[in-house]
Amino acid sequence: MMSDSTVPFGHGYAEIPLGRSAGKPIKSIHVYQLEESLNVDLEFEDLSMLEMIFRVGFRASVKLLENKSGDYIVRQRIKPKFRAR
């Protein structure tokens, strides 16, 4: 039985909806992996802080989604950069 503190591991991706206003912080990062999803609500202003999503024990690709007239389009894709420890 897994404990609640177990960090998920797997291959997945994150969808990050951007607000209509460019000045709004990014919120609601959804990380999907295999058949389960891990939803994490984060709020930050600096795009470089996306790196934190790659430090929780799984590999992910990030898609920044922008709302254009009710449709979300992919504005940018970010692949994780792994460093040797």
PDB file of N, CA and C in Angstrom:
ATOM      1  N   MET A   1       0.839  -1.189   0.000  1.00  0.00           N
ATOM      2  CA  MET A   1       0.000   0.000   0.000  1.00  0.00           C
ATOM      3  C   MET A   1       0.880   1.248   0.000  1.00  0.00           C
ATOM      4  N   MET A   2       0.578   2.190  -0.875  1.00  0.00           N
ATOM      5  CA  MET A   2       1.390   3.386  -0.981  1.00  0.00           C
ATOM      6  C   MET A   2       0.968   4.394   0.085  1.00  0.00           C
ATOM      7  N   SER A   3       1.979   5.080   0.621  1.00  0.00           N
ATOM      8  CA  SER A   3       1.650   6.112   1.593  1.00  0.00           C
ATOM      9  C   SER A   3       1.255   7.388   0.868  1.00  0.00           C
ATOM     10  N   ASP A   4       0.626   8.289   1.600  1.00  0.00           N
ATOM     11  CA  ASP A   4       0.194   9.549   1.005  1.00  0.00           C
ATOM     12  C   ASP A   4       1.368  10.419   0.585  1.00  0.00           C
ATOM     13  N   SER A   5       2.551  10.160   1.158  1.00  0.00           N
ATOM     14  CA  SER A   5       3.708  10.993   0.851  1.00  0.00           C
ATOM     15  C   SER A   5       4.489  10.483  -0.360  1.00  0.00           C
ATOM     16  N   THR A   6       4.043   9.383  -0.968  1.00  0.00           N
ATOM     17  CA  THR A   6       4.741   8.843  -2.129  1.00  0.00           C
ATOM     18  C   THR A   6       4.652   9.817  -3.294  1.00  0.00           C
ATOM     19  N   VAL A   7       5.800  10.083  -3.916  1.00  0.00           N
ATOM     20  CA  VAL A   7       5.826  10.978  -5.071  1.00  0.00           C
ATOM     21  C   VAL A   7       5.555  10.160  -6.320  1.00  0.00           C
ATOM     22  N   PRO A   8       4.595  10.567  -7.148  1.00  0.00           N
ATOM     23  CA  PRO A   8       4.291   9.814  -8.361  1.00  0.00           C
ATOM     24  C   PRO A   8       5.475   9.818  -9.311  1.00  0.00           C
ATOM     25  N   PHE A   9       5.638   8.746 -10.067  1.00  0.00           N
ATOM     26  CA  PHE A   9       6.700   8.677 -11.062  1.00  0.00           C
ATOM     27  C   PHE A   9       6.112   8.134 -12.348  1.00  0.00           C
ATOM     28  N   GLY A  10       6.494   8.701 -13.461  1.00  0.00           N
ATOM     29  CA  GLY A  10       6.012   8.214 -14.745  1.00  0.00           C
ATOM     30  C   GLY A  10       6.275   9.238 -15.822  1.00  0.00           C
ATOM     31  N   HIS A  11       5.794   8.976 -16.998  1.00  0.00           N
ATOM     32  CA  HIS A  11       5.905   9.923 -18.095  1.00  0.00           C
ATOM     33  C   HIS A  11       4.571  10.630 -18.233  1.00  0.00           C
ATOM     34  N   GLY A  12       4.591  11.912 -18.411  1.00  0.00           N
ATOM     35  CA  GLY A  12       3.334  12.627 -18.523  1.00  0.00           C
ATOM     36  C   GLY A  12       3.544  13.990 -19.132  1.00  0.00           C
ATOM     37  N   TYR A  13       2.555  14.838 -18.978  1.00  0.00           N
ATOM     38  CA  TYR A  13       2.674  16.202 -19.474  1.00  0.00           C
ATOM     39  C   TYR A  13       1.828  17.113 -18.602  1.00  0.00           C
ATOM     40  N   ALA A  14       2.124  18.388 -18.670  1.00  0.00           N
ATOM     41  CA  ALA A  14       1.364  19.364 -17.896  1.00  0.00           C
ATOM     42  C   ALA A  14       0.687  20.322 -18.843  1.00  0.00           C
ATOM     43  N   GLU A  15      -0.549  20.667 -18.546  1.00  0.00           N
ATOM     44  CA  GLU A  15      -1.261  21.688 -19.301  1.00  0.00           C
ATOM     45  C   GLU A  15      -1.397  22.903 -18.406  1.00  0.00           C
ATOM     46  N   ILE A  16      -0.939  24.028 -18.894  1.00  0.00           N
ATOM     47  CA  ILE A  16      -0.962  25.239 -18.093  1.00  0.00           C
ATOM     48  C   ILE A  16      -1.807  26.288 -18.793  1.00  0.00           C
ATOM     49  N   PRO A  17      -3.057  26.470 -18.390  1.00  0.00           N
ATOM     50  CA  PRO A  17      -3.884  27.506 -19.010  1.00  0.00           C
ATOM     51  C   PRO A  17      -3.398  28.895 -18.600  1.00  0.00           C
ATOM     52  N   LEU A  18      -3.229  29.766 -19.559  1.00  0.00           N
ATOM     53  CA  LEU A  18      -2.845  31.144 -19.281  1.00  0.00           C
ATOM     54  C   LEU A  18      -4.098  32.004 -19.230  1.00  0.00           C
ATOM     55  N   GLY A  19      -4.094  32.994 -18.363  1.00  0.00           N
ATOM     56  CA  GLY A  19      -5.227  33.903 -18.282  1.00  0.00           C
ATOM     57  C   GLY A  19      -5.300  34.800 -19.503  1.00  0.00           C
ATOM     58  N   ARG A  20      -6.464  35.441 -19.691  1.00  0.00           N
ATOM     59  CA  ARG A  20      -6.625  36.359 -20.831  1.00  0.00           C
ATOM     60  C   ARG A  20      -5.695  37.559 -20.706  1.00  0.00           C
ATOM     61  N   SER A  21      -5.426  37.974 -19.496  1.00  0.00           N
ATOM     62  CA  SER A  21      -4.547  39.117 -19.277  1.00  0.00           C
ATOM     63  C   SER A  21      -3.109  38.637 -19.150  1.00  0.00           C
ATOM     64  N   ALA A  22      -2.220  39.262 -19.904  1.00  0.00           N
ATOM     65  CA  ALA A  22      -0.813  38.855 -19.873  1.00  0.00           C
ATOM     66  C   ALA A  22      -0.195  39.095 -18.505  1.00  0.00           C
ATOM     67  N   GLY A  23      -0.766  40.004 -17.731  1.00  0.00           N
ATOM     68  CA  GLY A  23      -0.217  40.308 -16.421  1.00  0.00           C
ATOM     69  C   GLY A  23      -0.593  39.317 -15.337  1.00  0.00           C
ATOM     70  N   LYS A  24      -1.515  38.413 -15.637  1.00  0.00           N
ATOM     71  CA  LYS A  24      -1.964  37.463 -14.630  1.00  0.00           C
ATOM     72  C   LYS A  24      -0.919  36.376 -14.419  1.00  0.00           C
ATOM     73  N   PRO A  25      -0.759  35.928 -13.171  1.00  0.00           N
ATOM     74  CA  PRO A  25       0.130  34.798 -12.941  1.00  0.00           C
ATOM     75  C   PRO A  25      -0.466  33.522 -13.527  1.00  0.00           C
ATOM     76  N   ILE A  26       0.390  32.579 -13.816  1.00  0.00           N
ATOM     77  CA  ILE A  26      -0.065  31.287 -14.338  1.00  0.00           C
ATOM     78  C   ILE A  26      -0.642  30.492 -13.176  1.00  0.00           C
ATOM     79  N   LYS A  27      -1.785  29.856 -13.406  1.00  0.00           N
ATOM     80  CA  LYS A  27      -2.420  29.067 -12.354  1.00  0.00           C
ATOM     81  C   LYS A  27      -2.819  27.699 -12.894  1.00  0.00           C
ATOM     82  N   SER A  28      -3.164  26.811 -11.984  1.00  0.00           N
ATOM     83  CA  SER A  28      -3.783  25.532 -12.302  1.00  0.00           C
ATOM     84  C   SER A  28      -2.949  24.705 -13.265  1.00  0.00           C
ATOM     85  N   ILE A  29      -1.934  24.070 -12.723  1.00  0.00           N
ATOM     86  CA  ILE A  29      -1.110  23.154 -13.503  1.00  0.00           C
ATOM     87  C   ILE A  29      -1.683  21.755 -13.321  1.00  0.00           C
ATOM     88  N   HIS A  30      -2.033  21.110 -14.412  1.00  0.00           N
ATOM     89  CA  HIS A  30      -2.569  19.752 -14.357  1.00  0.00           C
ATOM     90  C   HIS A  30      -1.516  18.805 -14.911  1.00  0.00           C
ATOM     91  N   VAL A  31      -1.069  17.884 -14.111  1.00  0.00           N
ATOM     92  CA  VAL A  31      -0.051  16.937 -14.537  1.00  0.00           C
ATOM     93  C   VAL A  31      -0.711  15.577 -14.697  1.00  0.00           C
ATOM     94  N   TYR A  32      -0.732  15.079 -15.919  1.00  0.00           N
ATOM     95  CA  TYR A  32      -1.359  13.796 -16.196  1.00  0.00           C
ATOM     96  C   TYR A  32      -0.276  12.747 -16.375  1.00  0.00           C
ATOM     97  N   GLN A  33      -0.482  11.588 -15.794  1.00  0.00           N
ATOM     98  CA  GLN A  33       0.460  10.500 -16.010  1.00  0.00           C
ATOM     99  C   GLN A  33      -0.310   9.188 -15.988  1.00  0.00           C
ATOM    100  N   LEU A  34      -0.005   8.345 -16.938  1.00  0.00           N
ATOM    101  CA  LEU A  34      -0.664   7.055 -17.059  1.00  0.00           C
ATOM    102  C   LEU A  34      -2.177   7.252 -16.961  1.00  0.00           C
ATOM    103  N   GLU A  35      -2.842   6.519 -16.074  1.00  0.00           N
ATOM    104  CA  GLU A  35      -4.294   6.631 -15.994  1.00  0.00           C
ATOM    105  C   GLU A  35      -4.733   7.549 -14.862  1.00  0.00           C
ATOM    106  N   GLU A  36      -3.782   8.068 -14.109  1.00  0.00           N
ATOM    107  CA  GLU A  36      -4.139   8.923 -12.985  1.00  0.00           C
ATOM    108  C   GLU A  36      -3.716  10.346 -13.294  1.00  0.00           C
ATOM    109  N   SER A  37      -4.340  11.284 -12.649  1.00  0.00           N
ATOM    110  CA  SER A  37      -3.908  12.665 -12.827  1.00  0.00           C
ATOM    111  C   SER A  37      -3.609  13.269 -11.472  1.00  0.00           C
ATOM    112  N   LEU A  38      -2.569  14.088 -11.458  1.00  0.00           N
ATOM    113  CA  LEU A  38      -2.199  14.811 -10.257  1.00  0.00           C
ATOM    114  C   LEU A  38      -2.431  16.280 -10.548  1.00  0.00           C
ATOM    115  N   ASN A  39      -3.335  16.900  -9.853  1.00  0.00           N
ATOM    116  CA  ASN A  39      -3.637  18.313 -10.088  1.00  0.00           C
ATOM    117  C   ASN A  39      -2.972  19.149  -9.006  1.00  0.00           C
ATOM    118  N   VAL A  40      -2.173  20.100  -9.438  1.00  0.00           N
ATOM    119  CA  VAL A  40      -1.452  20.951  -8.513  1.00  0.00           C
ATOM    120  C   VAL A  40      -1.798  22.391  -8.828  1.00  0.00           C
ATOM    121  N   ASP A  41      -2.276  23.128  -7.861  1.00  0.00           N
ATOM    122  CA  ASP A  41      -2.556  24.548  -8.072  1.00  0.00           C
ATOM    123  C   ASP A  41      -1.338  25.353  -7.655  1.00  0.00           C
ATOM    124  N   LEU A  42      -0.719  25.982  -8.613  1.00  0.00           N
ATOM    125  CA  LEU A  42       0.435  26.838  -8.353  1.00  0.00           C
ATOM    126  C   LEU A  42       0.132  28.225  -8.881  1.00  0.00           C
ATOM    127  N   GLU A  43       0.791  29.199  -8.318  1.00  0.00           N
ATOM    128  CA  GLU A  43       0.618  30.563  -8.799  1.00  0.00           C
ATOM    129  C   GLU A  43       1.992  31.208  -8.819  1.00  0.00           C
ATOM    130  N   PHE A  44       2.424  31.652  -9.994  1.00  0.00           N
ATOM    131  CA  PHE A  44       3.715  32.297 -10.101  1.00  0.00           C
ATOM    132  C   PHE A  44       3.752  33.183 -11.324  1.00  0.00           C
ATOM    133  N   GLU A  45       4.715  34.079 -11.353  1.00  0.00           N
ATOM    134  CA  GLU A  45       4.803  35.055 -12.432  1.00  0.00           C
ATOM    135  C   GLU A  45       5.957  34.767 -13.377  1.00  0.00           C
ATOM    136  N   ASP A  46       6.955  34.031 -12.926  1.00  0.00           N
ATOM    137  CA  ASP A  46       8.171  33.838 -13.703  1.00  0.00           C
ATOM    138  C   ASP A  46       8.133  32.491 -14.406  1.00  0.00           C
ATOM    139  N   LEU A  47       8.239  32.504 -15.729  1.00  0.00           N
ATOM    140  CA  LEU A  47       8.181  31.267 -16.504  1.00  0.00           C
ATOM    141  C   LEU A  47       9.264  30.282 -16.086  1.00  0.00           C
ATOM    142  N   SER A  48      10.399  30.787 -15.621  1.00  0.00           N
ATOM    143  CA  SER A  48      11.489  29.897 -15.223  1.00  0.00           C
ATOM    144  C   SER A  48      11.099  29.023 -14.038  1.00  0.00           C
ATOM    145  N   MET A  49      10.072  29.431 -13.303  1.00  0.00           N
ATOM    146  CA  MET A  49       9.646  28.624 -12.165  1.00  0.00           C
ATOM    147  C   MET A  49       8.957  27.337 -12.598  1.00  0.00           C
ATOM    148  N   LEU A  50       8.673  27.196 -13.899  1.00  0.00           N
ATOM    149  CA  LEU A  50       8.108  25.932 -14.377  1.00  0.00           C
ATOM    150  C   LEU A  50       9.041  24.771 -14.094  1.00  0.00           C
ATOM    151  N   GLU A  51      10.317  25.071 -13.931  1.00  0.00           N
ATOM    152  CA  GLU A  51      11.290  24.020 -13.673  1.00  0.00           C
ATOM    153  C   GLU A  51      10.923  23.215 -12.436  1.00  0.00           C
ATOM    154  N   MET A  52      10.205  23.826 -11.494  1.00  0.00           N
ATOM    155  CA  MET A  52       9.843  23.110 -10.272  1.00  0.00           C
ATOM    156  C   MET A  52       8.996  21.876 -10.575  1.00  0.00           C
ATOM    157  N   ILE A  53       8.251  21.897 -11.647  1.00  0.00           N
ATOM    158  CA  ILE A  53       7.391  20.750 -11.945  1.00  0.00           C
ATOM    159  C   ILE A  53       8.200  19.512 -12.304  1.00  0.00           C
ATOM    160  N   PHE A  54       9.438  19.720 -12.724  1.00  0.00           N
ATOM    161  CA  PHE A  54      10.287  18.596 -13.097  1.00  0.00           C
ATOM    162  C   PHE A  54      11.088  18.061 -11.917  1.00  0.00           C
ATOM    163  N   ARG A  55      10.891  18.609 -10.752  1.00  0.00           N
ATOM    164  CA  ARG A  55      11.677  18.197  -9.597  1.00  0.00           C
ATOM    165  C   ARG A  55      10.894  17.289  -8.653  1.00  0.00           C
ATOM    166  N   VAL A  56       9.697  16.896  -9.022  1.00  0.00           N
ATOM    167  CA  VAL A  56       8.872  16.131  -8.092  1.00  0.00           C
ATOM    168  C   VAL A  56       8.899  14.636  -8.370  1.00  0.00           C
ATOM    169  N   GLY A  57       9.826  14.180  -9.212  1.00  0.00           N
ATOM    170  CA  GLY A  57      10.034  12.749  -9.346  1.00  0.00           C
ATOM    171  C   GLY A  57       9.463  12.124 -10.593  1.00  0.00           C
ATOM    172  N   PHE A  58       9.024  12.885 -11.572  1.00  0.00           N
ATOM    173  CA  PHE A  58       8.575  12.298 -12.828  1.00  0.00           C
ATOM    174  C   PHE A  58       8.975  13.191 -13.982  1.00  0.00           C
ATOM    175  N   ARG A  59       9.004  12.614 -15.167  1.00  0.00           N
ATOM    176  CA  ARG A  59       9.360  13.374 -16.360  1.00  0.00           C
ATOM    177  C   ARG A  59       8.086  13.918 -16.975  1.00  0.00           C
ATOM    178  N   ALA A  60       8.120  15.158 -17.384  1.00  0.00           N
ATOM    179  CA  ALA A  60       6.922  15.769 -17.951  1.00  0.00           C
ATOM    180  C   ALA A  60       7.301  16.723 -19.062  1.00  0.00           C
ATOM    181  N   SER A  61       6.402  16.884 -19.983  1.00  0.00           N
ATOM    182  CA  SER A  61       6.509  17.953 -20.964  1.00  0.00           C
ATOM    183  C   SER A  61       5.421  18.965 -20.633  1.00  0.00           C
ATOM    184  N   VAL A  62       5.722  20.219 -20.820  1.00  0.00           N
ATOM    185  CA  VAL A  62       4.780  21.269 -20.449  1.00  0.00           C
ATOM    186  C   VAL A  62       4.248  21.945 -21.693  1.00  0.00           C
ATOM    187  N   LYS A  63       2.931  22.150 -21.727  1.00  0.00           N
ATOM    188  CA  LYS A  63       2.300  22.911 -22.803  1.00  0.00           C
ATOM    189  C   LYS A  63       1.662  24.145 -22.187  1.00  0.00           C
ATOM    190  N   LEU A  64       2.051  25.317 -22.669  1.00  0.00           N
ATOM    191  CA  LEU A  64       1.384  26.531 -22.229  1.00  0.00           C
ATOM    192  C   LEU A  64       0.193  26.755 -23.143  1.00  0.00           C
ATOM    193  N   LEU A  65      -1.002  26.806 -22.576  1.00  0.00           N
ATOM    194  CA  LEU A  65      -2.218  26.965 -23.361  1.00  0.00           C
ATOM    195  C   LEU A  65      -2.739  28.384 -23.225  1.00  0.00           C
ATOM    196  N   GLU A  66      -3.125  28.971 -24.321  1.00  0.00           N
ATOM    197  CA  GLU A  66      -3.644  30.332 -24.313  1.00  0.00           C
ATOM    198  C   GLU A  66      -5.080  30.327 -24.822  1.00  0.00           C
ATOM    199  N   ASN A  67      -5.945  31.057 -24.135  1.00  0.00           N
ATOM    200  CA  ASN A  67      -7.358  31.108 -24.497  1.00  0.00           C
ATOM    201  C   ASN A  67      -7.567  32.114 -25.629  1.00  0.00           C
ATOM    202  N   LYS A  68      -7.938  31.610 -26.804  1.00  0.00           N
ATOM    203  CA  LYS A  68      -8.225  32.469 -27.961  1.00  0.00           C
ATOM    204  C   LYS A  68      -9.691  32.282 -28.324  1.00  0.00           C
ATOM    205  N   SER A  69     -10.523  33.217 -27.952  1.00  0.00           N
ATOM    206  CA  SER A  69     -11.961  33.166 -28.260  1.00  0.00           C
ATOM    207  C   SER A  69     -12.610  31.872 -27.784  1.00  0.00           C
ATOM    208  N   GLY A  70     -12.250  31.433 -26.596  1.00  0.00           N
ATOM    209  CA  GLY A  70     -12.868  30.239 -26.034  1.00  0.00           C
ATOM    210  C   GLY A  70     -12.149  28.950 -26.352  1.00  0.00           C
ATOM    211  N   ASP A  71     -11.195  28.971 -27.286  1.00  0.00           N
ATOM    212  CA  ASP A  71     -10.427  27.770 -27.614  1.00  0.00           C
ATOM    213  C   ASP A  71      -9.021  27.906 -27.052  1.00  0.00           C
ATOM    214  N   TYR A  72      -8.534  26.822 -26.466  1.00  0.00           N
ATOM    215  CA  TYR A  72      -7.167  26.833 -25.961  1.00  0.00           C
ATOM    216  C   TYR A  72      -6.230  26.373 -27.060  1.00  0.00           C
ATOM    217  N   ILE A  73      -5.216  27.175 -27.330  1.00  0.00           N
ATOM    218  CA  ILE A  73      -4.209  26.796 -28.322  1.00  0.00           C
ATOM    219  C   ILE A  73      -2.868  26.655 -27.605  1.00  0.00           C
ATOM    220  N   VAL A  74      -2.001  25.834 -28.160  1.00  0.00           N
ATOM    221  CA  VAL A  74      -0.689  25.645 -27.562  1.00  0.00           C
ATOM    222  C   VAL A  74       0.194  26.824 -27.946  1.00  0.00           C
ATOM    223  N   ARG A  75       0.596  27.595 -26.960  1.00  0.00           N
ATOM    224  CA  ARG A  75       1.452  28.740 -27.224  1.00  0.00           C
ATOM    225  C   ARG A  75       2.922  28.343 -27.216  1.00  0.00           C
ATOM    226  N   GLN A  76       3.272  27.404 -26.378  1.00  0.00           N
ATOM    227  CA  GLN A  76       4.671  27.012 -26.262  1.00  0.00           C
ATOM    228  C   GLN A  76       4.747  25.620 -25.663  1.00  0.00           C
ATOM    229  N   ARG A  77       5.722  24.824 -26.120  1.00  0.00           N
ATOM    230  CA  ARG A  77       5.986  23.516 -25.524  1.00  0.00           C
ATOM    231  C   ARG A  77       7.351  23.575 -24.860  1.00  0.00           C
ATOM    232  N   ILE A  78       7.442  23.021 -23.692  1.00  0.00           N
ATOM    233  CA  ILE A  78       8.696  23.021 -22.956  1.00  0.00           C
ATOM    234  C   ILE A  78       9.026  21.583 -22.586  1.00  0.00           C
ATOM    235  N   LYS A  79      10.211  21.144 -22.950  1.00  0.00           N
ATOM    236  CA  LYS A  79      10.662  19.803 -22.577  1.00  0.00           C
ATOM    237  C   LYS A  79      11.517  19.916 -21.324  1.00  0.00           C
ATOM    238  N   PRO A  80      11.458  18.913 -20.462  1.00  0.00           N
ATOM    239  CA  PRO A  80      12.268  18.969 -19.245  1.00  0.00           C
ATOM    240  C   PRO A  80      13.747  18.884 -19.568  1.00  0.00           C
ATOM    241  N   LYS A  81      14.552  19.569 -18.764  1.00  0.00           N
ATOM    242  CA  LYS A  81      16.005  19.473 -18.885  1.00  0.00           C
ATOM    243  C   LYS A  81      16.499  18.755 -17.644  1.00  0.00           C
ATOM    244  N   PHE A  82      17.031  17.566 -17.832  1.00  0.00           N
ATOM    245  CA  PHE A  82      17.493  16.787 -16.690  1.00  0.00           C
ATOM    246  C   PHE A  82      18.970  17.055 -16.461  1.00  0.00           C
ATOM    247  N   ARG A  83      19.331  17.189 -15.210  1.00  0.00           N
ATOM    248  CA  ARG A  83      20.728  17.428 -14.859  1.00  0.00           C
ATOM    249  C   ARG A  83      21.270  16.223 -14.118  1.00  0.00           C
ATOM    250  N   ALA A  84      22.549  15.947 -14.345  1.00  0.00           N
ATOM    251  CA  ALA A  84      23.201  14.867 -13.600  1.00  0.00           C
ATOM    252  C   ALA A  84      23.353  15.308 -12.149  1.00  0.00           C
ATOM    253  N   ARG A  85      23.106  14.375 -11.254  1.00  0.00           N
ATOM    254  CA  ARG A  85      23.219  14.733  -9.831  1.00  0.00           C
ATOM    255  C   ARG A  85      24.529  14.250  -9.289  1.00  0.00           C
TER     256      ARG A  85
END
